[in-house]
Protein backbone atom coordinates (compact mmCIF):
# COMPACT_ATOMS: atom_id res chain seq x y z
CA MET A 1 -26.39 -95.73 -22.27
CA SER A 2 -25.94 -93.18 -25.02
CA THR A 3 -28.87 -91.38 -26.65
CA PRO A 4 -29.34 -89.91 -30.13
CA VAL A 5 -28.03 -86.38 -30.54
CA ASP A 6 -30.73 -83.73 -30.19
CA GLN A 7 -29.78 -80.17 -31.02
CA GLY A 8 -32.35 -78.79 -28.61
CA PRO A 9 -33.92 -75.32 -28.63
CA PRO A 10 -32.00 -72.15 -29.52
CA ALA A 11 -30.28 -70.67 -26.48
CA LEU A 12 -30.72 -67.33 -24.77
CA ARG A 13 -27.83 -66.75 -22.39
CA LEU A 14 -26.36 -63.66 -20.74
CA ALA A 15 -22.70 -63.30 -19.85
CA SER A 16 -21.68 -61.96 -16.45
CA THR A 17 -21.46 -58.47 -17.94
CA GLY A 18 -25.14 -58.60 -18.84
CA THR A 19 -24.58 -58.75 -22.63
CA LEU A 20 -25.63 -61.53 -24.97
CA THR A 21 -23.07 -64.31 -25.48
CA TYR A 22 -23.00 -64.95 -29.22
CA GLY A 23 -22.08 -68.53 -30.03
CA LEU A 24 -23.48 -71.95 -30.88
CA PRO A 25 -25.62 -74.06 -28.55
CA VAL A 26 -24.05 -77.40 -27.68
CA GLY A 27 -26.84 -79.10 -29.60
CA GLU A 28 -25.84 -77.28 -32.80
CA VAL A 29 -22.14 -78.00 -32.23
CA LEU A 30 -22.95 -81.72 -32.20
CA GLY A 31 -24.47 -81.32 -35.63
CA VAL A 32 -21.29 -80.21 -37.43
CA SER A 33 -19.73 -82.71 -39.84
CA THR A 34 -16.58 -83.39 -37.79
CA LEU A 35 -18.72 -84.51 -34.85
CA LYS A 36 -21.08 -86.65 -36.90
CA GLY A 37 -20.15 -89.76 -34.93
CA ALA A 38 -20.15 -88.11 -31.50
CA ARG A 39 -22.50 -89.44 -28.81
CA LEU A 40 -24.15 -87.52 -25.98
CA ILE A 41 -24.00 -89.75 -22.89
CA ALA A 42 -25.17 -87.34 -20.18
CA GLY A 43 -26.46 -83.80 -19.55
CA ARG A 44 -29.19 -83.63 -22.23
CA SER A 45 -30.92 -80.74 -20.43
CA GLY A 46 -27.81 -78.62 -21.00
CA LEU A 47 -27.84 -78.78 -24.81
CA GLY A 48 -28.82 -75.13 -24.87
CA ARG A 49 -25.54 -74.05 -23.24
CA VAL A 50 -23.66 -71.68 -25.51
CA VAL A 51 -20.21 -72.53 -26.88
CA GLN A 52 -18.08 -69.45 -27.56
CA ARG A 53 -14.61 -70.93 -27.45
CA LEU A 54 -12.80 -74.28 -27.36
CA ASN A 55 -9.97 -75.59 -25.17
CA VAL A 56 -7.93 -78.78 -24.94
CA MET A 57 -7.32 -80.50 -21.60
CA GLU A 58 -3.99 -82.33 -21.45
CA VAL A 59 -2.83 -81.27 -17.95
CA PRO A 60 -4.33 -82.30 -14.58
CA ASP A 61 -4.70 -78.73 -13.25
CA ILE A 62 -6.91 -77.55 -16.12
CA LEU A 63 -9.33 -75.71 -13.78
CA SER A 64 -7.07 -72.68 -13.52
CA TRP A 65 -7.09 -72.31 -17.34
CA VAL A 66 -10.71 -72.86 -18.32
CA LYS A 67 -13.15 -70.04 -19.11
CA PRO A 68 -16.95 -69.79 -19.22
CA ASN A 69 -18.76 -70.99 -22.37
CA GLU A 70 -15.91 -73.28 -23.39
CA LEU A 71 -16.19 -76.69 -25.03
CA LEU A 72 -13.37 -78.66 -23.37
CA LEU A 73 -11.76 -81.45 -25.43
CA THR A 74 -9.63 -84.24 -23.89
CA THR A 75 -8.17 -87.67 -24.65
CA GLY A 76 -8.47 -88.62 -21.01
CA TYR A 77 -4.71 -88.61 -20.55
CA PRO A 78 -4.71 -86.36 -17.45
CA LEU A 79 -7.61 -88.38 -16.00
CA ARG A 80 -6.18 -91.88 -16.40
CA ASN A 81 -4.92 -92.29 -12.82
CA THR A 82 -7.81 -90.63 -10.97
CA PRO A 83 -11.10 -92.08 -12.27
CA GLN A 84 -12.62 -91.91 -8.80
CA SER A 85 -12.58 -88.05 -8.84
CA LEU A 86 -14.15 -87.54 -12.27
CA ASP A 87 -17.57 -86.70 -10.79
CA ASN A 88 -15.93 -83.86 -8.83
CA LEU A 89 -14.32 -82.68 -12.08
CA VAL A 90 -17.78 -82.35 -13.65
CA ALA A 91 -18.97 -80.30 -10.68
CA ASP A 92 -15.90 -78.03 -10.85
CA LEU A 93 -16.23 -77.46 -14.60
CA ASP A 94 -19.96 -76.74 -14.28
CA GLU A 95 -19.38 -74.19 -11.51
CA ARG A 96 -16.90 -72.39 -13.77
CA GLY A 97 -19.53 -72.04 -16.47
CA LEU A 98 -18.18 -74.44 -19.07
CA ALA A 99 -20.50 -75.42 -21.87
CA ALA A 100 -19.58 -79.13 -22.18
CA LEU A 101 -16.83 -81.76 -21.90
CA ALA A 102 -15.94 -83.91 -24.94
CA ILE A 103 -13.80 -87.01 -24.28
CA LYS A 104 -12.05 -89.43 -26.67
CA LEU A 105 -11.91 -92.85 -24.96
CA GLY A 106 -9.82 -95.90 -25.66
CA ARG A 107 -6.20 -94.87 -25.52
CA TYR A 108 -5.89 -93.61 -21.93
CA LEU A 109 -9.37 -94.11 -20.45
CA ASP A 110 -11.60 -97.03 -21.38
CA THR A 111 -14.86 -95.98 -19.68
CA LEU A 112 -16.32 -93.16 -17.63
CA PRO A 113 -17.47 -93.95 -14.09
CA ALA A 114 -21.21 -94.06 -13.42
CA GLU A 115 -20.84 -91.37 -10.72
CA MET A 116 -19.47 -88.94 -13.33
CA ILE A 117 -22.38 -89.60 -15.69
CA GLU A 118 -24.95 -89.22 -12.90
CA GLN A 119 -23.37 -85.95 -11.76
CA ALA A 120 -23.47 -84.61 -15.33
CA ASP A 121 -27.15 -85.54 -15.69
CA ARG A 122 -28.05 -83.86 -12.38
CA ARG A 123 -26.32 -80.65 -13.40
CA GLY A 124 -27.39 -80.65 -17.03
CA PHE A 125 -23.71 -80.64 -18.02
CA PRO A 126 -23.27 -82.31 -21.46
CA LEU A 127 -20.76 -85.16 -21.65
CA ILE A 128 -19.83 -86.09 -25.20
CA LEU A 129 -17.92 -89.15 -26.47
CA LEU A 130 -15.82 -88.28 -29.52
CA PRO A 131 -15.24 -90.69 -32.44
CA ASP A 132 -11.76 -92.19 -32.71
CA ASP A 133 -11.09 -90.97 -36.25
CA VAL A 134 -11.61 -87.22 -35.67
CA GLY A 135 -8.73 -84.90 -34.78
CA PHE A 136 -8.94 -82.07 -32.30
CA ASP A 137 -7.64 -79.64 -34.93
CA ASP A 138 -10.56 -80.49 -37.23
CA ILE A 139 -13.05 -79.89 -34.42
CA LEU A 140 -11.36 -76.63 -33.44
CA ASN A 141 -11.29 -75.32 -37.00
CA GLN A 142 -14.84 -76.17 -37.93
CA VAL A 143 -16.56 -75.16 -34.67
CA LEU A 144 -14.63 -71.89 -34.36
CA THR A 145 -15.40 -71.10 -38.00
CA ASP A 146 -19.09 -71.72 -37.41
CA ILE A 147 -19.03 -69.53 -34.26
CA LEU A 148 -17.33 -66.68 -36.11
CA ASN A 149 -19.74 -66.99 -39.03
CA ARG A 150 -22.68 -66.92 -36.60
CA GLN A 151 -21.32 -63.85 -34.86
CA ALA A 152 -20.70 -62.10 -38.19
CA ALA A 153 -24.24 -62.89 -39.38
CA VAL A 154 -25.75 -61.70 -36.10
CA LEU A 155 -23.75 -58.47 -36.14
CA ALA A 156 -24.65 -57.83 -39.79
CA ARG A 157 -28.36 -58.33 -39.11
CA THR A 158 -28.20 -56.22 -35.97
CA GLU A 159 -26.49 -53.39 -37.85
CA GLU A 160 -29.11 -53.61 -40.59
CA VAL A 161 -31.87 -53.38 -37.99
CA HIS A 162 -30.11 -50.46 -36.31
CA ARG A 163 -29.89 -48.53 -39.57
CA ALA A 164 -33.57 -49.17 -40.27
CA LEU A 165 -34.58 -47.95 -36.81
CA VAL A 166 -32.39 -44.86 -37.00
CA GLN A 167 -33.89 -44.08 -40.40
CA ILE A 168 -37.34 -44.19 -38.82
CA VAL A 169 -36.29 -41.56 -36.29
CA LEU A 170 -34.56 -39.40 -38.93
CA CYS A 171 -37.78 -39.41 -40.96
CA GLY A 172 -39.74 -38.12 -37.97
CA GLY A 173 -41.03 -41.40 -36.57
CA GLY A 174 -41.57 -41.97 -32.89
CA LEU A 175 -41.77 -44.81 -30.39
CA GLN A 176 -44.80 -46.36 -32.05
CA GLU A 177 -43.00 -46.70 -35.39
CA VAL A 178 -39.91 -48.15 -33.67
CA VAL A 179 -42.03 -50.71 -31.79
CA ASP A 180 -43.94 -51.62 -34.97
CA GLU A 181 -40.68 -52.25 -36.84
CA VAL A 182 -39.21 -54.44 -34.09
CA ALA A 183 -42.43 -56.43 -33.75
CA ALA A 184 -42.46 -57.05 -37.51
CA LEU A 185 -38.80 -58.15 -37.50
CA LEU A 186 -39.12 -60.50 -34.53
CA GLN A 187 -42.71 -61.53 -35.31
CA VAL A 188 -43.65 -61.15 -31.64
CA ALA A 189 -45.49 -58.61 -29.51
CA VAL A 190 -43.37 -55.64 -28.41
CA VAL A 191 -44.06 -52.72 -26.06
CA ALA A 192 -42.24 -49.65 -24.81
CA LEU A 193 -42.91 -48.91 -21.12
CA ASP A 194 -42.03 -45.82 -19.11
CA GLY A 195 -40.57 -45.90 -15.61
CA GLU A 196 -44.06 -46.26 -14.10
CA GLN A 197 -44.86 -49.34 -16.23
CA ARG A 198 -47.24 -47.35 -18.42
CA VAL A 199 -47.45 -48.45 -22.06
CA LEU A 200 -45.99 -45.71 -24.28
CA ALA A 201 -46.28 -47.72 -27.49
CA GLY A 202 -47.24 -51.29 -28.31
CA ALA A 203 -47.53 -53.67 -31.23
CA GLY A 204 -49.27 -57.01 -31.09
CA PRO A 205 -52.48 -58.46 -29.62
CA GLU A 206 -53.97 -56.21 -26.95
CA GLU A 207 -54.00 -58.94 -24.28
CA GLN A 208 -50.27 -59.57 -24.83
CA VAL A 209 -49.49 -55.84 -24.73
CA GLN A 210 -51.23 -55.51 -21.38
CA ALA A 211 -49.56 -58.67 -20.05
CA MET A 212 -46.14 -57.17 -20.76
CA ARG A 213 -46.71 -54.37 -18.24
CA THR A 214 -45.94 -56.85 -15.46
CA LEU A 215 -43.04 -58.43 -17.39
CA GLY A 216 -41.25 -55.09 -17.67
CA ARG A 217 -40.02 -55.22 -14.08
CA GLY A 218 -37.96 -58.34 -14.67
CA SER A 219 -34.67 -59.13 -16.34
CA PRO A 220 -34.17 -60.92 -19.68
CA GLN A 221 -35.54 -64.45 -19.54
CA GLU A 222 -35.32 -67.49 -21.76
CA GLY A 223 -38.04 -68.32 -24.17
CA ASP A 224 -41.19 -66.31 -23.66
CA HIS A 225 -39.99 -62.72 -23.09
CA LEU A 226 -37.02 -60.39 -23.18
CA VAL A 227 -36.60 -57.13 -21.28
CA VAL A 228 -34.08 -54.41 -22.15
CA PRO A 229 -33.75 -51.08 -20.27
CA VAL A 230 -34.01 -47.78 -22.14
CA VAL A 231 -31.16 -45.72 -20.72
CA ALA A 232 -29.86 -42.32 -21.82
CA GLY A 233 -27.63 -39.84 -20.04
CA GLY A 234 -27.45 -42.07 -16.98
CA PHE A 235 -31.25 -42.02 -16.54
CA ASP A 236 -33.52 -45.04 -16.80
CA HIS A 237 -36.42 -44.06 -19.08
CA GLY A 238 -38.26 -47.38 -19.07
CA ARG A 239 -38.15 -50.75 -20.80
CA ILE A 240 -38.52 -52.39 -24.19
CA VAL A 241 -40.23 -55.77 -23.80
CA ALA A 242 -40.66 -58.50 -26.42
CA TYR A 243 -43.11 -61.29 -25.65
CA SER A 244 -43.80 -64.59 -27.36
CA PRO A 245 -46.16 -66.94 -25.51
CA ASN A 246 -45.01 -69.74 -27.83
CA GLY A 247 -41.36 -69.32 -26.84
CA THR A 248 -40.16 -68.38 -30.35
CA LEU A 249 -37.63 -65.77 -29.24
CA ARG A 250 -34.10 -66.60 -30.38
CA GLU A 251 -30.62 -65.86 -29.13
CA THR A 252 -30.07 -63.09 -31.66
CA ASP A 253 -33.28 -61.26 -30.74
CA LEU A 254 -31.81 -59.72 -27.61
CA GLY A 255 -29.19 -57.89 -29.68
CA ILE A 256 -31.94 -56.48 -31.90
CA LEU A 257 -33.92 -55.47 -28.85
CA GLU A 258 -30.85 -53.73 -27.40
CA ARG A 259 -30.47 -51.69 -30.59
CA ALA A 260 -34.18 -50.85 -30.43
CA ALA A 261 -33.69 -49.67 -26.84
CA THR A 262 -30.84 -47.41 -27.96
CA VAL A 263 -33.00 -45.87 -30.68
CA ALA A 264 -35.92 -45.60 -28.24
CA ALA A 265 -33.65 -43.71 -25.84
CA LEU A 266 -32.86 -41.31 -28.71
CA VAL A 267 -36.58 -40.81 -29.36
CA VAL A 268 -37.34 -40.27 -25.66
CA THR A 269 -34.53 -37.75 -25.15
CA LYS A 270 -35.58 -35.90 -28.30
CA GLN A 271 -39.18 -35.77 -27.10
CA GLN A 272 -38.05 -34.61 -23.69
CA ALA A 273 -35.87 -31.90 -25.18
CA VAL A 274 -38.72 -30.64 -27.35
CA ALA A 275 -41.16 -30.84 -24.45
CA ALA A 276 -38.73 -29.00 -22.18
CA VAL A 277 -38.39 -26.13 -24.68
CA GLU A 278 -42.15 -25.96 -25.21
CA SER A 279 -42.80 -26.18 -21.49
CA LYS A 280 -40.33 -23.38 -20.75
CA TYR A 281 -41.89 -21.19 -23.44
CA ARG A 282 -45.37 -21.81 -22.08
CA ALA A 283 -44.24 -21.23 -18.50
CA ASP A 284 -42.47 -18.00 -19.45
CA PHE A 285 -45.56 -16.67 -21.19
CA LEU A 286 -47.84 -17.63 -18.31
CA ARG A 287 -45.40 -15.94 -15.94
CA ASP A 288 -45.62 -12.78 -18.07
CA ILE A 289 -49.43 -12.96 -17.92
CA LEU A 290 -49.42 -13.29 -14.14
CA ALA A 291 -46.94 -10.42 -13.86
CA GLY A 292 -49.04 -8.18 -16.13
CA ARG A 293 -46.34 -8.03 -18.84
CA ALA A 294 -48.09 -9.97 -21.62
CA GLY A 295 -50.09 -7.10 -23.15
CA GLY A 296 -53.78 -6.47 -23.52
CA ASP A 297 -56.55 -8.99 -23.14
CA ASP A 298 -56.99 -9.55 -26.87
CA ARG A 299 -53.28 -10.35 -27.37
CA VAL A 300 -53.22 -12.65 -24.35
CA VAL A 301 -56.34 -14.55 -25.45
CA ALA A 302 -55.07 -14.96 -29.02
CA HIS A 303 -51.61 -16.08 -27.95
CA CYS A 304 -52.97 -18.57 -25.41
CA ALA A 305 -55.26 -20.08 -28.03
CA GLY A 306 -52.11 -21.32 -29.78
CA PHE A 307 -51.25 -23.29 -26.62
CA GLY A 308 -54.75 -24.68 -26.34
CA TRP A 309 -55.48 -22.42 -23.35
CA ASP A 310 -58.90 -20.77 -23.08
CA LEU A 311 -58.58 -17.65 -20.92
CA ASN A 312 -61.49 -15.82 -22.54
CA ARG A 313 -63.85 -16.88 -19.75
CA PRO A 314 -64.17 -16.62 -15.96
CA VAL A 315 -61.15 -18.33 -14.43
CA ALA A 316 -59.45 -18.86 -11.07
CA VAL A 317 -55.75 -19.26 -10.33
CA LEU A 318 -54.54 -22.27 -8.35
CA VAL A 319 -51.05 -22.35 -6.83
CA ALA A 320 -49.53 -25.54 -5.40
CA GLU A 321 -46.32 -25.52 -3.34
CA LEU A 322 -44.36 -28.43 -1.87
CA ASP A 323 -44.40 -28.69 1.91
CA GLY A 324 -41.25 -29.07 4.02
CA ARG A 325 -39.43 -32.41 4.26
CA PRO A 326 -40.58 -35.74 2.84
CA ARG A 327 -42.78 -37.82 5.11
CA GLY A 328 -40.66 -40.41 6.90
CA ALA A 329 -37.36 -38.64 6.11
CA ASP A 330 -34.62 -39.03 8.72
CA PRO A 331 -33.76 -35.52 10.01
CA GLU A 332 -30.52 -36.83 11.52
CA ARG A 333 -29.20 -38.26 8.26
CA PRO A 334 -26.84 -35.78 6.62
CA ARG A 335 -27.26 -35.21 2.92
CA GLY A 336 -25.26 -33.12 0.48
CA ALA A 337 -26.63 -30.04 -1.23
CA GLU A 338 -26.52 -31.82 -4.58
CA ALA A 339 -28.64 -34.72 -3.31
CA ARG A 340 -31.17 -32.35 -1.74
CA GLY A 341 -31.34 -30.31 -4.93
CA ALA A 342 -31.91 -33.42 -7.05
CA GLU A 343 -34.64 -34.59 -4.68
CA GLU A 344 -36.40 -31.23 -4.82
CA ARG A 345 -36.24 -31.11 -8.62
CA SER A 346 -37.63 -34.62 -8.83
CA ALA A 347 -40.44 -33.78 -6.41
CA GLN A 348 -41.25 -30.60 -8.33
CA GLU A 349 -41.42 -32.53 -11.60
CA ARG A 350 -43.71 -35.16 -10.08
CA LEU A 351 -45.93 -32.45 -8.61
CA ALA A 352 -46.18 -30.74 -12.01
CA ALA A 353 -47.03 -34.06 -13.68
CA ALA A 354 -49.73 -34.84 -11.11
CA TRP A 355 -51.30 -31.41 -11.48
CA THR A 356 -51.13 -31.45 -15.27
CA ALA A 357 -52.85 -34.84 -15.42
CA ALA A 358 -55.55 -33.82 -12.92
CA VAL A 359 -56.29 -30.49 -14.61
CA ARG A 360 -56.36 -31.94 -18.12
CA ARG A 361 -58.97 -34.51 -17.09
CA HIS A 362 -61.38 -31.78 -16.02
CA ASP A 363 -60.52 -28.74 -18.13
CA ARG A 364 -58.83 -29.15 -21.53
CA GLY A 365 -58.59 -25.36 -21.90
CA ALA A 366 -56.79 -24.76 -18.60
CA ALA A 367 -53.25 -23.37 -18.46
CA VAL A 368 -50.76 -25.32 -16.31
CA ALA A 369 -47.08 -24.55 -15.79
CA SER A 370 -44.33 -25.40 -13.34
CA PHE A 371 -42.33 -22.49 -11.98
CA ALA A 372 -39.20 -22.79 -9.84
CA HIS A 373 -40.97 -23.65 -6.56
CA GLU A 374 -44.65 -23.87 -7.44
CA VAL A 375 -47.14 -25.21 -9.94
CA VAL A 376 -49.68 -22.72 -11.28
CA ALA A 377 -52.95 -23.55 -13.02
CA VAL A 378 -55.47 -21.15 -14.51
CA VAL A 379 -58.77 -23.03 -14.71
CA GLY A 380 -62.33 -22.25 -15.62
CA ALA A 381 -64.42 -21.33 -12.57
CA ASP A 382 -67.91 -19.85 -12.60
CA PRO A 383 -68.30 -17.05 -10.06
CA GLY A 384 -69.80 -18.30 -6.83
CA ASP A 385 -69.55 -21.97 -7.75
CA PRO A 386 -66.47 -24.20 -8.22
CA ALA A 387 -63.76 -22.10 -6.61
CA ASP A 388 -66.01 -20.52 -4.01
CA PRO A 389 -65.44 -22.04 -0.56
CA ALA A 390 -69.17 -21.96 -0.01
CA GLY A 391 -69.72 -23.87 -3.25
CA PRO A 392 -70.04 -27.65 -3.62
CA SER A 393 -67.11 -29.73 -2.35
CA ASN A 394 -67.34 -31.88 -5.48
CA GLY A 395 -66.99 -28.96 -7.90
CA PRO A 396 -64.39 -29.13 -10.70
CA VAL A 397 -61.73 -27.09 -8.89
CA GLN A 398 -62.01 -29.11 -5.69
CA ALA A 399 -61.94 -32.32 -7.76
CA MET A 400 -58.71 -31.20 -9.44
CA VAL A 401 -57.07 -30.57 -6.08
CA LYS A 402 -58.10 -33.99 -4.76
CA GLU A 403 -56.94 -35.84 -7.88
CA ALA A 404 -53.60 -34.05 -7.90
CA ALA A 405 -53.10 -34.99 -4.24
CA ALA A 406 -53.96 -38.62 -5.00
CA GLY A 407 -51.55 -38.72 -7.94
CA PHE A 408 -48.74 -37.29 -5.81
CA ALA A 409 -49.40 -39.28 -2.64
CA GLU A 410 -46.93 -42.09 -3.39
CA TYR A 411 -44.03 -39.62 -3.47
CA ARG A 412 -44.02 -39.29 0.36
CA ARG A 413 -44.44 -35.51 0.09
CA THR A 414 -47.37 -33.22 0.65
CA PHE A 415 -48.24 -29.94 -1.01
CA SER A 416 -50.47 -27.03 -0.07
CA THR A 417 -52.88 -25.36 -2.48
CA GLY A 418 -54.13 -21.79 -2.70
CA ILE A 419 -57.17 -20.75 -4.74
CA SER A 420 -57.90 -17.22 -5.90
CA ARG A 421 -61.16 -15.43 -6.45
CA THR A 422 -62.72 -15.80 -9.87
CA VAL A 423 -61.76 -13.17 -12.46
CA VAL A 424 -63.54 -12.54 -15.74
CA SER A 425 -60.67 -11.30 -17.93
CA PRO A 426 -56.89 -11.82 -18.30
CA ALA A 427 -56.32 -8.36 -16.87
CA GLY A 428 -57.39 -9.67 -13.47
CA LEU A 429 -54.97 -12.60 -13.44
CA PRO A 430 -52.00 -10.80 -11.79
CA GLU A 431 -54.17 -9.93 -8.78
CA ALA A 432 -55.69 -13.42 -8.76
CA TYR A 433 -52.19 -14.94 -8.77
CA GLU A 434 -51.19 -12.85 -5.76
CA GLN A 435 -54.34 -13.99 -3.99
CA ALA A 436 -53.56 -17.64 -4.65
CA VAL A 437 -49.97 -17.24 -3.45
CA LYS A 438 -51.17 -15.64 -0.24
CA ALA A 439 -53.84 -18.30 0.19
CA VAL A 440 -51.36 -21.19 -0.12
CA ARG A 441 -48.84 -19.69 2.27
CA VAL A 442 -51.27 -18.37 4.87
CA GLY A 443 -53.29 -21.57 4.61
CA ARG A 444 -50.20 -23.63 5.40
CA GLN A 445 -49.44 -21.45 8.41
CA LEU A 446 -52.97 -21.85 9.70
CA HIS A 447 -53.71 -25.47 8.87
CA GLY A 448 -50.32 -27.13 8.44
CA ASP A 449 -48.94 -29.14 5.54
CA GLY A 450 -51.37 -30.27 2.88
CA ALA A 451 -53.62 -27.23 3.39
CA ARG A 452 -56.17 -26.19 0.79
CA ALA A 453 -57.23 -22.58 1.23
CA HIS A 454 -59.34 -20.17 -0.78
CA PHE A 455 -58.41 -16.50 -0.56
CA ASP A 456 -61.86 -15.63 0.75
CA GLN A 457 -61.47 -18.18 3.57
CA LEU A 458 -58.55 -16.35 5.12
CA GLY A 459 -60.72 -13.91 7.09
CA VAL A 460 -58.65 -11.42 9.06
CA TYR A 461 -55.49 -13.11 7.76
CA ARG A 462 -56.47 -11.94 4.28
CA LEU A 463 -56.51 -8.34 5.53
CA LEU A 464 -53.19 -8.78 7.28
CA SER A 465 -51.67 -10.30 4.15
CA LEU A 466 -52.53 -7.12 2.24
CA VAL A 467 -49.98 -5.19 4.29
CA SER A 468 -47.12 -4.98 1.83
CA ASP A 469 -44.41 -4.12 4.38
CA PRO A 470 -43.65 -7.05 6.75
CA ALA A 471 -41.50 -4.75 8.86
CA GLU A 472 -44.58 -2.73 9.73
CA LEU A 473 -46.36 -5.86 10.92
CA HIS A 474 -43.39 -6.93 13.01
CA ALA A 475 -43.17 -3.50 14.56
CA PHE A 476 -46.86 -3.68 15.45
CA VAL A 477 -46.30 -7.07 17.12
CA ARG A 478 -43.34 -5.81 19.17
CA GLU A 479 -45.17 -2.65 20.27
CA THR A 480 -48.32 -4.58 21.22
CA LEU A 481 -46.90 -7.73 22.83
CA GLY A 482 -43.60 -6.40 24.13
CA ASP A 483 -41.50 -9.21 25.61
CA LEU A 484 -44.14 -11.76 24.65
CA ALA A 485 -43.31 -11.25 20.96
CA GLY A 486 -40.14 -13.35 21.11
CA ASP A 487 -39.59 -17.09 21.26
CA GLY A 488 -36.33 -17.07 23.18
CA GLU A 489 -37.68 -17.61 26.72
CA PRO A 490 -39.96 -20.61 27.37
CA GLU A 491 -41.71 -18.84 30.27
CA LEU A 492 -42.75 -15.92 28.04
CA VAL A 493 -43.87 -18.29 25.27
CA ASP A 494 -46.02 -20.07 27.86
CA LEU A 495 -47.51 -16.78 29.00
CA ARG A 496 -48.30 -15.87 25.39
CA ARG A 497 -50.13 -19.17 25.02
CA THR A 498 -52.18 -18.32 28.11
CA LEU A 499 -53.07 -14.94 26.58
CA GLN A 500 -54.10 -16.55 23.32
CA VAL A 501 -56.46 -19.03 24.98
CA LEU A 502 -57.93 -16.29 27.16
CA LEU A 503 -58.76 -14.22 24.08
CA GLU A 504 -60.14 -17.25 22.25
CA THR A 505 -62.53 -17.99 25.15
CA ASN A 506 -63.57 -14.34 25.43
CA LEU A 507 -61.87 -14.07 28.86
CA ASN A 508 -63.72 -17.08 30.28
CA VAL A 509 -61.38 -17.92 33.14
CA ALA A 510 -62.93 -21.27 33.99
CA GLU A 511 -62.80 -22.50 30.37
CA THR A 512 -59.24 -21.22 29.91
CA ALA A 513 -58.08 -23.00 33.07
CA ARG A 514 -59.69 -26.20 31.84
CA ARG A 515 -58.01 -26.01 28.42
CA LEU A 516 -54.59 -25.22 29.87
CA HIS A 517 -54.95 -27.65 32.80
CA PHE A 518 -54.26 -24.85 35.32
CA HIS A 519 -55.71 -24.33 38.75
CA TYR A 520 -58.14 -21.42 38.84
CA ASN A 521 -55.92 -19.42 41.22
CA THR A 522 -52.86 -20.08 39.07
CA LEU A 523 -54.67 -18.64 36.06
CA ARG A 524 -55.78 -15.56 38.07
CA TYR A 525 -52.13 -15.00 38.99
CA ARG A 526 -51.10 -15.29 35.33
CA ILE A 527 -53.79 -12.82 34.24
CA GLY A 528 -52.46 -10.29 36.72
CA LYS A 529 -48.92 -10.77 35.41
CA LEU A 530 -50.10 -10.36 31.81
CA GLU A 531 -51.93 -7.12 32.63
CA ARG A 532 -48.81 -5.72 34.28
CA MET A 533 -46.89 -6.47 31.08
CA LEU A 534 -49.53 -5.53 28.48
CA GLY A 535 -52.07 -3.25 30.16
CA PRO A 536 -55.64 -3.77 31.36
CA PHE A 537 -56.77 -5.90 28.45
CA THR A 538 -59.57 -7.51 30.52
CA GLU A 539 -61.27 -4.10 30.61
CA ASP A 540 -60.07 -2.49 27.36
CA ALA A 541 -61.78 -3.97 24.27
CA HIS A 542 -59.56 -1.93 21.93
CA LEU A 543 -56.42 -3.39 23.56
CA ARG A 544 -57.87 -6.88 23.29
CA LEU A 545 -58.40 -6.31 19.56
CA ASN A 546 -54.78 -5.18 19.15
CA LEU A 547 -53.51 -8.17 21.10
CA THR A 548 -55.63 -10.53 18.99
CA LEU A 549 -54.31 -9.03 15.75
CA ALA A 550 -50.73 -9.22 17.01
CA LEU A 551 -51.14 -12.91 17.82
CA HIS A 552 -52.60 -13.48 14.35
CA VAL A 553 -49.57 -11.80 12.80
CA LEU A 554 -47.29 -14.09 14.82
CA ARG A 555 -49.10 -17.11 13.38
CA MET A 556 -48.31 -15.70 9.92
CA ARG A 557 -44.60 -15.39 10.64
CA GLY A 558 -42.52 -16.16 7.58
CA ILE A 559 -45.20 -14.99 5.12
């Protein structure tokens, strides 16, 4: 039984390339004057299918000639001898993405089999009966004209929107102005999200703006929301999302949203370029301060005030450095230098972002900059309180370190942090920076990845780090430990470990044997061998001191 023609809702369809297919929904095609007497006999749920082109079927092997989004017209001539396979024809046409099949009955085919109609209804594939008095050429001319007119109107409106959005940017507008304009044009809620699903700009009711944070991970959908990526220079900068809980989005809205995404990419890249220049300028000036090249205190304080930095107070320097390889990385998997470099740059950027966010929450006047392999922050720190290791663990400096670590945790990397002593003027910052660098590197050697060390916590390692010539330290180690200084022979490395535990236990033989899981007599034999190699350290306190220092220097290898 036929049913009255219903044009159905506007369609939102994507072609296989991912771009919008401009055309007319089948429901609208049925409304043109040449199809006034046409009847829809099956596939009502497919009235939203988009018609982009038309084709005429007058040969049996039409499947090799059809294309997606076609309205296929036929007199039934090629079907007259095979009515039993017409349901399979519907399935084949549907799988090839056709929009609908329109048939003129009477001359070659009197009726359509029930199986064909049932198959079309199951698949939502529209079957249309054409009136006897309409010619295919009339249908072709009118429908194609309407499709071309629709495409021209869509392109004209899209270009108009594009010009308006570009004008916003040229007049100094940003993402918020772009989002406001798109929301006004589409009369829906619109947001711009970054890669972490954070809302950069939004227009519309607050509850809808927040709801779109979860929609931004999807692909364009029909009806209630559309998602378009913001891509520039091969990098994905986020998403533009339009949301209408009432399902008022139309087929042309995706094209407008795509233009908005292009303009948003322009805004983002412009902001990034400006931020990169400003960041480099700030980092260069902070580097000059820490190197003692920025001038006197008054000049430094005045110049930093322009950046929003307050260095006219007691401050401490914090240095954060990335640790080794990513957690969970496969050491056996070969990677090119370019891939490793890109990974390190990405990790450094994320570390800088985590530190900047953490520091800004606690100290708006702090200076933060990312150098090549470290992030440096100059933060307010009262003497003997926040940065002091003996101070409270919940002080501002310690809180910054913890928050930065939490913000960076998802990146599968760790970083170590060094904290300087507090200085009361910019003139002391170069020395404080050196202290923080030594603290982060010595702290990592002593405590492993993820270490947090204050310069005053380094003890004897702080004194050893003050020796400016590493060669002198290495010479001291070789002269004091002799053959035990190297790592080439496992037996000697094992002996050195025995010496270290002996010194740590203050020559307590029983405790040393317990720690090393040696028999008492075995340890006595090893002590004799060590004294033949190093001298009578069990009796000479001065030699024991030298041996202890030499072992400490070995633990600092690579500093």
